[in-house]
C-alpha atoms as a PDB file:
ATOM      1  CA  UNK A   1     141.862  52.327  47.389  1.00  0.00           C
ATOM      2  CA  UNK A   2     140.876  53.298  50.835  1.00  0.00           C
ATOM      3  CA  UNK A   3     143.250  54.955  53.427  1.00  0.00           C
ATOM      4  CA  UNK A   4     144.486  52.407  56.001  1.00  0.00           C
ATOM      5  CA  UNK A   5     144.843  52.975  59.709  1.00  0.00           C
ATOM      6  CA  UNK A   6     148.454  53.962  59.373  1.00  0.00           C
ATOM      7  CA  UNK A   7     147.619  56.813  57.000  1.00  0.00           C
ATOM      8  CA  UNK A   8     144.544  58.046  59.005  1.00  0.00           C
ATOM      9  CA  UNK A   9     146.571  57.971  62.271  1.00  0.00           C
ATOM     10  CA  UNK A  10     149.527  60.071  60.526  1.00  0.00           C
ATOM     11  CA  UNK A  11     147.155  62.440  58.935  1.00  0.00           C
ATOM     12  CA  UNK A  12     145.261  63.167  62.295  1.00  0.00           C
ATOM     13  CA  UNK A  13     148.129  63.170  64.601  1.00  0.00           C
ATOM     14  CA  UNK A  14     149.953  65.724  62.228  1.00  0.00           C
ATOM     15  CA  UNK A  15     146.918  67.778  61.696  1.00  0.00           C
ATOM     16  CA  UNK A  16     145.794  67.785  65.218  1.00  0.00           C
ATOM     17  CA  UNK A  17     142.039  68.203  66.362  1.00  0.00           C
ATOM     18  CA  UNK A  18     140.649  71.550  66.953  1.00  0.00           C
ATOM     19  CA  UNK A  19     137.018  71.992  67.518  1.00  0.00           C
ATOM     20  CA  UNK A  20     136.898  75.752  67.245  1.00  0.00           C
ATOM     21  CA  UNK A  21     137.881  77.505  64.053  1.00  0.00           C
ATOM     22  CA  UNK A  22     141.401  79.064  63.839  1.00  0.00           C
ATOM     23  CA  UNK A  23     143.710  80.494  61.266  1.00  0.00           C
ATOM     24  CA  UNK A  24     146.585  78.190  60.276  1.00  0.00           C
ATOM     25  CA  UNK A  25     149.892  79.360  59.559  1.00  0.00           C
ATOM     26  CA  UNK A  26     149.066  80.840  56.364  1.00  0.00           C
ATOM     27  CA  UNK A  27     145.870  82.442  57.598  1.00  0.00           C
ATOM     28  CA  UNK A  28     143.470  79.962  56.252  1.00  0.00           C
ATOM     29  CA  UNK A  29     140.251  79.256  58.653  1.00  0.00           C
ATOM     30  CA  UNK A  30     140.712  75.828  59.674  1.00  0.00           C
ATOM     31  CA  UNK A  31     138.745  73.329  61.997  1.00  0.00           C
ATOM     32  CA  UNK A  32     138.666  69.694  62.858  1.00  0.00           C
ATOM     33  CA  UNK A  33     141.480  67.729  61.467  1.00  0.00           C
ATOM     34  CA  UNK A  34     142.753  70.412  59.148  1.00  0.00           C
ATOM     35  CA  UNK A  35     139.582  70.871  57.565  1.00  0.00           C
ATOM     36  CA  UNK A  36     139.342  73.960  55.320  1.00  0.00           C
ATOM     37  CA  UNK A  37     136.508  75.301  53.268  1.00  0.00           C
ATOM     38  CA  UNK A  38     133.624  78.016  52.930  1.00  0.00           C
ATOM     39  CA  UNK A  39     131.863  76.567  55.686  1.00  0.00           C
ATOM     40  CA  UNK A  40     134.584  77.230  58.124  1.00  0.00           C
ATOM     41  CA  UNK A  41     134.185  80.777  59.435  1.00  0.00           C
ATOM     42  CA  UNK A  42     135.387  82.749  62.478  1.00  0.00           C
ATOM     43  CA  UNK A  43     133.545  81.517  65.713  1.00  0.00           C
ATOM     44  CA  UNK A  44     132.590  78.202  64.346  1.00  0.00           C
ATOM     45  CA  UNK A  45     132.432  75.445  66.784  1.00  0.00           C
ATOM     46  CA  UNK A  46     131.835  71.720  66.078  1.00  0.00           C
ATOM     47  CA  UNK A  47     131.529  68.487  67.984  1.00  0.00           C
ATOM     48  CA  UNK A  48     134.070  65.532  67.913  1.00  0.00           C
ATOM     49  CA  UNK A  49     131.485  63.440  65.760  1.00  0.00           C
ATOM     50  CA  UNK A  50     131.483  66.450  63.310  1.00  0.00           C
ATOM     51  CA  UNK A  51     135.124  66.394  62.976  1.00  0.00           C
ATOM     52  CA  UNK A  52     135.292  62.565  62.373  1.00  0.00           C
ATOM     53  CA  UNK A  53     132.577  62.877  59.788  1.00  0.00           C
ATOM     54  CA  UNK A  54     134.233  65.759  57.831  1.00  0.00           C
ATOM     55  CA  UNK A  55     137.469  64.015  57.825  1.00  0.00           C
ATOM     56  CA  UNK A  56     135.999  60.438  56.701  1.00  0.00           C
ATOM     57  CA  UNK A  57     134.093  62.396  53.933  1.00  0.00           C
ATOM     58  CA  UNK A  58     136.995  64.364  52.529  1.00  0.00           C
ATOM     59  CA  UNK A  59     139.132  61.346  52.405  1.00  0.00           C
ATOM     60  CA  UNK A  60     136.424  59.467  50.404  1.00  0.00           C
ATOM     61  CA  UNK A  61     135.311  62.171  48.234  1.00  0.00           C
ATOM     62  CA  UNK A  62     138.251  64.122  47.528  1.00  0.00           C
ATOM     63  CA  UNK A  63     141.575  62.730  48.517  1.00  0.00           C
ATOM     64  CA  UNK A  64     141.292  59.283  48.030  1.00  0.00           C
ATOM     65  CA  UNK A  65     139.950  59.365  44.386  1.00  0.00           C
ATOM     66  CA  UNK A  66     142.112  62.326  43.699  1.00  0.00           C
ATOM     67  CA  UNK A  67     145.384  60.337  44.323  1.00  0.00           C
ATOM     68  CA  UNK A  68     143.987  57.425  42.555  1.00  0.00           C
ATOM     69  CA  UNK A  69     143.390  59.917  39.327  1.00  0.00           C
ATOM     70  CA  UNK A  70     146.919  61.383  39.780  1.00  0.00           C
ATOM     71  CA  UNK A  71     148.987  58.053  39.850  1.00  0.00           C
ATOM     72  CA  UNK A  72     146.920  56.186  37.282  1.00  0.00           C
ATOM     73  CA  UNK A  73     147.488  52.446  37.194  1.00  0.00           C
ATOM     74  CA  UNK A  74     150.946  52.631  38.613  1.00  0.00           C
ATOM     75  CA  UNK A  75     151.496  49.719  41.002  1.00  0.00           C
ATOM     76  CA  UNK A  76     150.852  50.962  44.516  1.00  0.00           C
ATOM     77  CA  UNK A  77     151.337  49.601  48.032  1.00  0.00           C
ATOM     78  CA  UNK A  78     148.949  50.295  50.727  1.00  0.00           C
ATOM     79  CA  UNK A  79     151.837  52.392  52.488  1.00  0.00           C
ATOM     80  CA  UNK A  80     152.572  54.126  49.261  1.00  0.00           C
ATOM     81  CA  UNK A  81     148.968  55.238  49.023  1.00  0.00           C
ATOM     82  CA  UNK A  82     148.674  56.169  52.600  1.00  0.00           C
ATOM     83  CA  UNK A  83     151.650  58.440  52.538  1.00  0.00           C
ATOM     84  CA  UNK A  84     150.412  60.008  49.086  1.00  0.00           C
ATOM     85  CA  UNK A  85     146.940  60.800  50.736  1.00  0.00           C
ATOM     86  CA  UNK A  86     148.629  62.310  53.549  1.00  0.00           C
ATOM     87  CA  UNK A  87     150.670  64.771  51.545  1.00  0.00           C
ATOM     88  CA  UNK A  88     147.553  65.569  49.207  1.00  0.00           C
ATOM     89  CA  UNK A  89     145.446  66.150  52.614  1.00  0.00           C
ATOM     90  CA  UNK A  90     148.111  68.880  53.601  1.00  0.00           C
ATOM     91  CA  UNK A  91     148.867  70.455  50.303  1.00  0.00           C
ATOM     92  CA  UNK A  92     146.005  69.848  48.289  1.00  0.00           C
ATOM     93  CA  UNK A  93     144.876  67.525  45.643  1.00  0.00           C
ATOM     94  CA  UNK A  94     145.663  69.925  42.831  1.00  0.00           C
ATOM     95  CA  UNK A  95     149.194  70.474  43.799  1.00  0.00           C
ATOM     96  CA  UNK A  96     149.659  66.728  44.610  1.00  0.00           C
ATOM     97  CA  UNK A  97     148.549  65.915  41.088  1.00  0.00           C
ATOM     98  CA  UNK A  98     151.229  68.216  39.803  1.00  0.00           C
ATOM     99  CA  UNK A  99     153.928  67.166  41.971  1.00  0.00           C
ATOM    100  CA  UNK A 100     157.043  65.324  41.498  1.00  0.00           C
ATOM    101  CA  UNK A 101     156.005  62.841  43.829  1.00  0.00           C
ATOM    102  CA  UNK A 102     153.004  61.909  41.743  1.00  0.00           C
ATOM    103  CA  UNK A 103     154.974  61.972  38.619  1.00  0.00           C
ATOM    104  CA  UNK A 104     157.930  59.714  39.922  1.00  0.00           C
ATOM    105  CA  UNK A 105     155.369  57.307  41.297  1.00  0.00           C
ATOM    106  CA  UNK A 106     153.696  57.108  37.834  1.00  0.00           C
ATOM    107  CA  UNK A 107     156.980  56.214  36.397  1.00  0.00           C
ATOM    108  CA  UNK A 108     157.653  53.586  38.839  1.00  0.00           C
ATOM    109  CA  UNK A 109     160.582  55.564  40.148  1.00  0.00           C
ATOM    110  CA  UNK A 110     159.642  54.883  43.840  1.00  0.00           C
ATOM    111  CA  UNK A 111     162.966  55.944  45.377  1.00  0.00           C
ATOM    112  CA  UNK A 112     162.865  59.303  43.886  1.00  0.00           C
ATOM    113  CA  UNK A 113     159.208  59.618  44.777  1.00  0.00           C
ATOM    114  CA  UNK A 114     159.892  58.969  48.501  1.00  0.00           C
ATOM    115  CA  UNK A 115     162.668  61.574  48.368  1.00  0.00           C
ATOM    116  CA  UNK A 116     160.384  64.091  46.802  1.00  0.00           C
ATOM    117  CA  UNK A 117     158.261  64.172  49.590  1.00  0.00           C
ATOM    118  CA  UNK A 118     160.985  66.286  51.368  1.00  0.00           C
ATOM    119  CA  UNK A 119     160.656  68.919  49.187  1.00  0.00           C
ATOM    120  CA  UNK A 120     157.498  70.055  50.510  1.00  0.00           C
ATOM    121  CA  UNK A 121     158.446  71.464  53.681  1.00  0.00           C
ATOM    122  CA  UNK A 122     157.467  75.114  53.176  1.00  0.00           C
ATOM    123  CA  UNK A 123     154.491  77.254  54.102  1.00  0.00           C
ATOM    124  CA  UNK A 124     154.262  80.758  53.044  1.00  0.00           C
ATOM    125  CA  UNK A 125     157.733  80.728  51.740  1.00  0.00           C
ATOM    126  CA  UNK A 126     159.115  79.545  55.083  1.00  0.00           C
ATOM    127  CA  UNK A 127     160.668  76.223  56.243  1.00  0.00           C
ATOM    128  CA  UNK A 128     158.521  74.728  59.089  1.00  0.00           C
ATOM    129  CA  UNK A 129     159.797  72.327  61.361  1.00  0.00           C
ATOM    130  CA  UNK A 130     156.269  70.535  61.643  1.00  0.00           C
ATOM    131  CA  UNK A 131     156.279  70.097  57.728  1.00  0.00           C
ATOM    132  CA  UNK A 132     159.782  68.780  57.821  1.00  0.00           C
ATOM    133  CA  UNK A 133     158.919  66.012  60.353  1.00  0.00           C
ATOM    134  CA  UNK A 134     155.495  65.252  58.712  1.00  0.00           C
ATOM    135  CA  UNK A 135     157.516  64.923  55.324  1.00  0.00           C
ATOM    136  CA  UNK A 136     160.077  62.581  56.875  1.00  0.00           C
ATOM    137  CA  UNK A 137     157.264  60.453  58.312  1.00  0.00           C
ATOM    138  CA  UNK A 138     155.511  60.003  55.138  1.00  0.00           C
ATOM    139  CA  UNK A 139     158.565  59.302  53.397  1.00  0.00           C
ATOM    140  CA  UNK A 140     159.048  56.611  55.991  1.00  0.00           C
ATOM    141  CA  UNK A 141     155.687  55.248  55.433  1.00  0.00           C
ATOM    142  CA  UNK A 142     155.904  55.265  51.663  1.00  0.00           C
ATOM    143  CA  UNK A 143     158.933  52.987  51.882  1.00  0.00           C
ATOM    144  CA  UNK A 144     157.839  50.582  54.634  1.00  0.00           C
ATOM    145  CA  UNK A 145     156.389  48.060  52.591  1.00  0.00           C
ATOM    146  CA  UNK A 146     159.526  47.969  50.232  1.00  0.00           C
ATOM    147  CA  UNK A 147     161.879  47.709  53.557  1.00  0.00           C
ATOM    148  CA  UNK A 148     159.434  44.631  54.525  1.00  0.00           C
ATOM    149  CA  UNK A 149     159.659  42.879  51.131  1.00  0.00           C
ATOM    150  CA  UNK A 150     163.430  43.185  51.126  1.00  0.00           C
ATOM    151  CA  UNK A 151     163.736  41.782  54.405  1.00  0.00           C
ATOM    152  CA  UNK A 152     161.597  38.733  53.800  1.00  0.00           C
ATOM    153  CA  UNK A 153     163.384  35.760  52.734  1.00  0.00           C
ATOM    154  CA  UNK A 154     162.826  34.102  49.278  1.00  0.00           C
ATOM    155  CA  UNK A 155     160.611  31.198  49.551  1.00  0.00           C
ATOM    156  CA  UNK A 156     162.772  27.804  49.165  1.00  0.00           C
ATOM    157  CA  UNK A 157     159.858  25.987  47.405  1.00  0.00           C
ATOM    158  CA  UNK A 158     156.572  26.446  45.666  1.00  0.00           C
ATOM    159  CA  UNK A 159     153.682  24.551  45.398  1.00  0.00           C
ATOM    160  CA  UNK A 160     152.256  23.135  42.138  1.00  0.00           C
ATOM    161  CA  UNK A 161     148.374  22.460  42.083  1.00  0.00           C
ATOM    162  CA  UNK A 162     146.151  21.115  39.496  1.00  0.00           C
ATOM    163  CA  UNK A 163     142.474  21.302  39.882  1.00  0.00           C
ATOM    164  CA  UNK A 164     139.273  21.187  37.795  1.00  0.00           C
ATOM    165  CA  UNK A 165     136.733  24.118  38.083  1.00  0.00           C
ATOM    166  CA  UNK A 166     132.978  23.712  37.880  1.00  0.00           C
ATOM    167  CA  UNK A 167     133.013  23.728  33.944  1.00  0.00           C
ATOM    168  CA  UNK A 168     135.646  20.966  33.930  1.00  0.00           C
ATOM    169  CA  UNK A 169     138.506  23.279  32.721  1.00  0.00           C
ATOM    170  CA  UNK A 170     142.052  22.133  34.072  1.00  0.00           C
ATOM    171  CA  UNK A 171     143.878  24.740  35.857  1.00  0.00           C
ATOM    172  CA  UNK A 172     147.497  24.603  37.428  1.00  0.00           C
ATOM    173  CA  UNK A 173     148.800  27.143  39.804  1.00  0.00           C
ATOM    174  CA  UNK A 174     152.529  27.759  41.005  1.00  0.00           C
ATOM    175  CA  UNK A 175     152.345  29.141  44.296  1.00  0.00           C
ATOM    176  CA  UNK A 176     155.047  29.785  46.970  1.00  0.00           C
ATOM    177  CA  UNK A 177     154.360  29.269  50.441  1.00  0.00           C
ATOM    178  CA  UNK A 178     154.095  33.167  51.102  1.00  0.00           C
ATOM    179  CA  UNK A 179     151.021  33.451  48.754  1.00  0.00           C
ATOM    180  CA  UNK A 180     148.881  30.853  49.925  1.00  0.00           C
ATOM    181  CA  UNK A 181     147.307  29.340  52.938  1.00  0.00           C
ATOM    182  CA  UNK A 182     145.482  25.764  52.211  1.00  0.00           C
ATOM    183  CA  UNK A 183     143.832  22.884  54.061  1.00  0.00           C
ATOM    184  CA  UNK A 184     143.763  19.720  52.327  1.00  0.00           C
ATOM    185  CA  UNK A 185     141.116  17.107  53.552  1.00  0.00           C
ATOM    186  CA  UNK A 186     140.219  13.998  51.422  1.00  0.00           C
ATOM    187  CA  UNK A 187     141.738  15.184  48.373  1.00  0.00           C
ATOM    188  CA  UNK A 188     139.499  18.389  48.364  1.00  0.00           C
ATOM    189  CA  UNK A 189     140.941  21.997  48.498  1.00  0.00           C
ATOM    190  CA  UNK A 190     139.882  24.938  50.614  1.00  0.00           C
ATOM    191  CA  UNK A 191     142.108  27.788  49.586  1.00  0.00           C
ATOM    192  CA  UNK A 192     142.366  31.684  49.513  1.00  0.00           C
ATOM    193  CA  UNK A 193     144.607  33.671  47.149  1.00  0.00           C
ATOM    194  CA  UNK A 194     145.584  37.048  46.242  1.00  0.00           C
ATOM    195  CA  UNK A 195     147.180  38.431  43.250  1.00  0.00           C
ATOM    196  CA  UNK A 196     146.030  35.694  41.013  1.00  0.00           C
ATOM    197  CA  UNK A 197     143.083  35.052  38.423  1.00  0.00           C
ATOM    198  CA  UNK A 198     141.187  33.466  41.209  1.00  0.00           C
ATOM    199  CA  UNK A 199     140.115  35.644  44.328  1.00  0.00           C
ATOM    200  CA  UNK A 200     138.672  32.776  46.074  1.00  0.00           C
ATOM    201  CA  UNK A 201     138.730  28.936  45.250  1.00  0.00           C
ATOM    202  CA  UNK A 202     136.523  26.596  47.454  1.00  0.00           C
ATOM    203  CA  UNK A 203     135.915  23.031  47.854  1.00  0.00           C
ATOM    204  CA  UNK A 204     137.537  21.845  44.616  1.00  0.00           C
ATOM    205  CA  UNK A 205     138.828  18.405  43.745  1.00  0.00           C
ATOM    206  CA  UNK A 206     142.504  18.148  43.604  1.00  0.00           C
ATOM    207  CA  UNK A 207     143.862  16.253  40.499  1.00  0.00           C
ATOM    208  CA  UNK A 208     147.424  16.620  41.568  1.00  0.00           C
ATOM    209  CA  UNK A 209     149.821  18.424  43.715  1.00  0.00           C
ATOM    210  CA  UNK A 210     153.406  18.408  44.484  1.00  0.00           C
ATOM    211  CA  UNK A 211     156.185  20.411  46.146  1.00  0.00           C
ATOM    212  CA  UNK A 212     159.002  21.631  43.960  1.00  0.00           C
ATOM    213  CA  UNK A 213     162.480  22.395  45.453  1.00  0.00           C
END
């Protein structure tokens, strides 16, 4: 998975942008959007373009694959992934992999995983207001897809579709009206699906279709 716009905005806003090297709250030399490493030395100055490049590279090379490895094949929404990448970016991928956030998410205990974000509110042994705020934002983001799903009404019908593929194999799909957008013209089908065996089905003859209450 890739970090979405909400996750990138959360990280950049909380990290802030500094084009001159500085020492963070625990004395680590930092630059750009919270970028650290041996290349960050006193007196270093970078451009906006360099800060953007380092940010994108660290997400792609370190934090996104690191979070994916830590959570394994646990079902994960975009919002959950974004929130966990933000946490990992702040505490480090090794700490994230060992965290109760990752462990709870792997077990599918999303409520506990969300609350476990709040534990990471200290730096140098001290509770920091900025970290308290950030953990609250990450927790809210982690839960946002779940809240949306809970608020979405259940479909009051589903659509049963039968069609033949190019190898004359008969298929039947049961779809609710949140899953499918389709256009029917002269008994042929143009359809896009997600979460099914077929990523995309185009221009197939419709054998039968019906609405079910």
